[in-house]
Every structure is written in C-alpha cells, then in structure tokens.
C-alpha cells in the first residue's frame, strides 16, 4: 500500500481568547483536568441517571440513559 502525503497544516497562534486558564480546569462549567496518568479523574465525570423499564421517562435530562426492557 502506497503512503499518502499529508497536506501542510497551519498551526494557529495562541491568543488570550483561545487559551484555557488554570482557573477553569476542574471547575464547574469549565474543562476537565487530567490526573498523573493523563486521564480525567473519576470525580470529574458526571454520573448519568439510568432508568430501566418499559415506560420512557417523562422529563429526561441531558445525559440520562433509558434502557427499554420491552
């Protein structure tokens, strides 16, 4: 299989508007931080509400999971 040449890419210049400041790492409505192994800590991963049954929830929230056993 022959290799393909990748097109050159321009790397954007960092500006104050596209940087993540340390104050938003791990904060509510911010961005997740990383632990020493480079993974998102379990405490920063939201726990979804899981509903199991035959009737769909009436007001599910974003991220909720419904498992239909029908």
C-alpha atoms as a PDB file:
ATOM      1  CA  UNK A   1       0.000   0.000   0.000  1.00  0.00           C
ATOM      2  CA  UNK A   2       1.471   3.308  -1.057  1.00  0.00           C
ATOM      3  CA  UNK A   3       1.794   6.083   1.524  1.00  0.00           C
ATOM      4  CA  UNK A   4      -0.073   9.343   1.150  1.00  0.00           C
ATOM      5  CA  UNK A   5       1.407  12.794   1.505  1.00  0.00           C
ATOM      6  CA  UNK A   6      -0.436  14.874   4.083  1.00  0.00           C
ATOM      7  CA  UNK A   7      -1.337  18.421   3.193  1.00  0.00           C
ATOM      8  CA  UNK A   8       0.588  21.062   5.143  1.00  0.00           C
ATOM      9  CA  UNK A   9      -1.360  22.492   8.062  1.00  0.00           C
ATOM     10  CA  UNK A  10      -1.086  25.874   9.696  1.00  0.00           C
ATOM     11  CA  UNK A  11      -0.897  25.810  13.478  1.00  0.00           C
ATOM     12  CA  UNK A  12      -2.922  28.664  14.955  1.00  0.00           C
ATOM     13  CA  UNK A  13      -1.110  31.207  17.069  1.00  0.00           C
ATOM     14  CA  UNK A  14      -2.112  31.211  20.736  1.00  0.00           C
ATOM     15  CA  UNK A  15      -4.003  34.251  21.855  1.00  0.00           C
ATOM     16  CA  UNK A  16      -5.665  35.158  25.128  1.00  0.00           C
ATOM     17  CA  UNK A  17      -9.050  34.203  23.643  1.00  0.00           C
ATOM     18  CA  UNK A  18      -8.138  30.602  22.785  1.00  0.00           C
ATOM     19  CA  UNK A  19      -6.219  29.546  25.894  1.00  0.00           C
ATOM     20  CA  UNK A  20      -7.566  27.544  28.808  1.00  0.00           C
ATOM     21  CA  UNK A  21      -6.734  29.288  32.061  1.00  0.00           C
ATOM     22  CA  UNK A  22      -5.942  27.280  35.191  1.00  0.00           C
ATOM     23  CA  UNK A  23      -8.992  28.730  36.938  1.00  0.00           C
ATOM     24  CA  UNK A  24     -11.409  26.746  34.755  1.00  0.00           C
ATOM     25  CA  UNK A  25      -9.637  23.373  34.941  1.00  0.00           C
ATOM     26  CA  UNK A  26     -11.753  21.049  37.075  1.00  0.00           C
ATOM     27  CA  UNK A  27     -14.229  23.852  37.852  1.00  0.00           C
ATOM     28  CA  UNK A  28     -17.982  23.801  37.319  1.00  0.00           C
ATOM     29  CA  UNK A  29     -18.777  24.830  33.704  1.00  0.00           C
ATOM     30  CA  UNK A  30     -15.054  24.658  32.959  1.00  0.00           C
ATOM     31  CA  UNK A  31     -12.929  21.901  31.462  1.00  0.00           C
ATOM     32  CA  UNK A  32     -11.881  18.588  32.986  1.00  0.00           C
ATOM     33  CA  UNK A  33      -8.389  18.264  34.337  1.00  0.00           C
ATOM     34  CA  UNK A  34      -6.112  15.260  33.959  1.00  0.00           C
ATOM     35  CA  UNK A  35      -4.555  13.075  36.641  1.00  0.00           C
ATOM     36  CA  UNK A  36      -0.932  11.917  36.728  1.00  0.00           C
ATOM     37  CA  UNK A  37      -1.700   9.180  34.183  1.00  0.00           C
ATOM     38  CA  UNK A  38      -3.266  11.627  31.705  1.00  0.00           C
ATOM     39  CA  UNK A  39      -6.835  10.515  32.357  1.00  0.00           C
ATOM     40  CA  UNK A  40      -9.854  12.500  33.526  1.00  0.00           C
ATOM     41  CA  UNK A  41     -10.341  11.824  37.263  1.00  0.00           C
ATOM     42  CA  UNK A  42     -13.498   9.853  38.109  1.00  0.00           C
ATOM     43  CA  UNK A  43     -14.695  12.712  40.337  1.00  0.00           C
ATOM     44  CA  UNK A  44     -14.911  14.972  37.256  1.00  0.00           C
ATOM     45  CA  UNK A  45     -17.052  12.544  35.229  1.00  0.00           C
ATOM     46  CA  UNK A  46     -20.781  13.049  35.839  1.00  0.00           C
ATOM     47  CA  UNK A  47     -22.865  10.051  36.843  1.00  0.00           C
ATOM     48  CA  UNK A  48     -25.807   9.657  34.467  1.00  0.00           C
ATOM     49  CA  UNK A  49     -29.250   8.741  35.769  1.00  0.00           C
ATOM     50  CA  UNK A  50     -30.042   5.265  34.453  1.00  0.00           C
ATOM     51  CA  UNK A  51     -33.692   4.227  34.142  1.00  0.00           C
ATOM     52  CA  UNK A  52     -34.648   0.644  33.305  1.00  0.00           C
ATOM     53  CA  UNK A  53     -38.212  -0.227  32.336  1.00  0.00           C
ATOM     54  CA  UNK A  54     -40.890  -0.299  29.680  1.00  0.00           C
ATOM     55  CA  UNK A  55     -42.082   3.305  30.045  1.00  0.00           C
ATOM     56  CA  UNK A  56     -39.841   6.135  28.889  1.00  0.00           C
ATOM     57  CA  UNK A  57     -39.069   8.862  31.461  1.00  0.00           C
ATOM     58  CA  UNK A  58     -41.294  11.925  31.049  1.00  0.00           C
ATOM     59  CA  UNK A  59     -38.601  14.578  31.607  1.00  0.00           C
ATOM     60  CA  UNK A  60     -35.174  13.101  30.902  1.00  0.00           C
ATOM     61  CA  UNK A  61     -32.174  15.346  31.421  1.00  0.00           C
ATOM     62  CA  UNK A  62     -29.263  15.616  29.015  1.00  0.00           C
ATOM     63  CA  UNK A  63     -27.017  12.611  29.592  1.00  0.00           C
ATOM     64  CA  UNK A  64     -29.675  10.399  31.192  1.00  0.00           C
ATOM     65  CA  UNK A  65     -29.870   6.813  29.962  1.00  0.00           C
ATOM     66  CA  UNK A  66     -33.068   4.794  29.472  1.00  0.00           C
ATOM     67  CA  UNK A  67     -32.908   1.041  28.914  1.00  0.00           C
ATOM     68  CA  UNK A  68     -36.099  -0.362  27.379  1.00  0.00           C
ATOM     69  CA  UNK A  69     -36.801  -3.862  28.647  1.00  0.00           C
ATOM     70  CA  UNK A  70     -39.820  -4.292  26.382  1.00  0.00           C
END
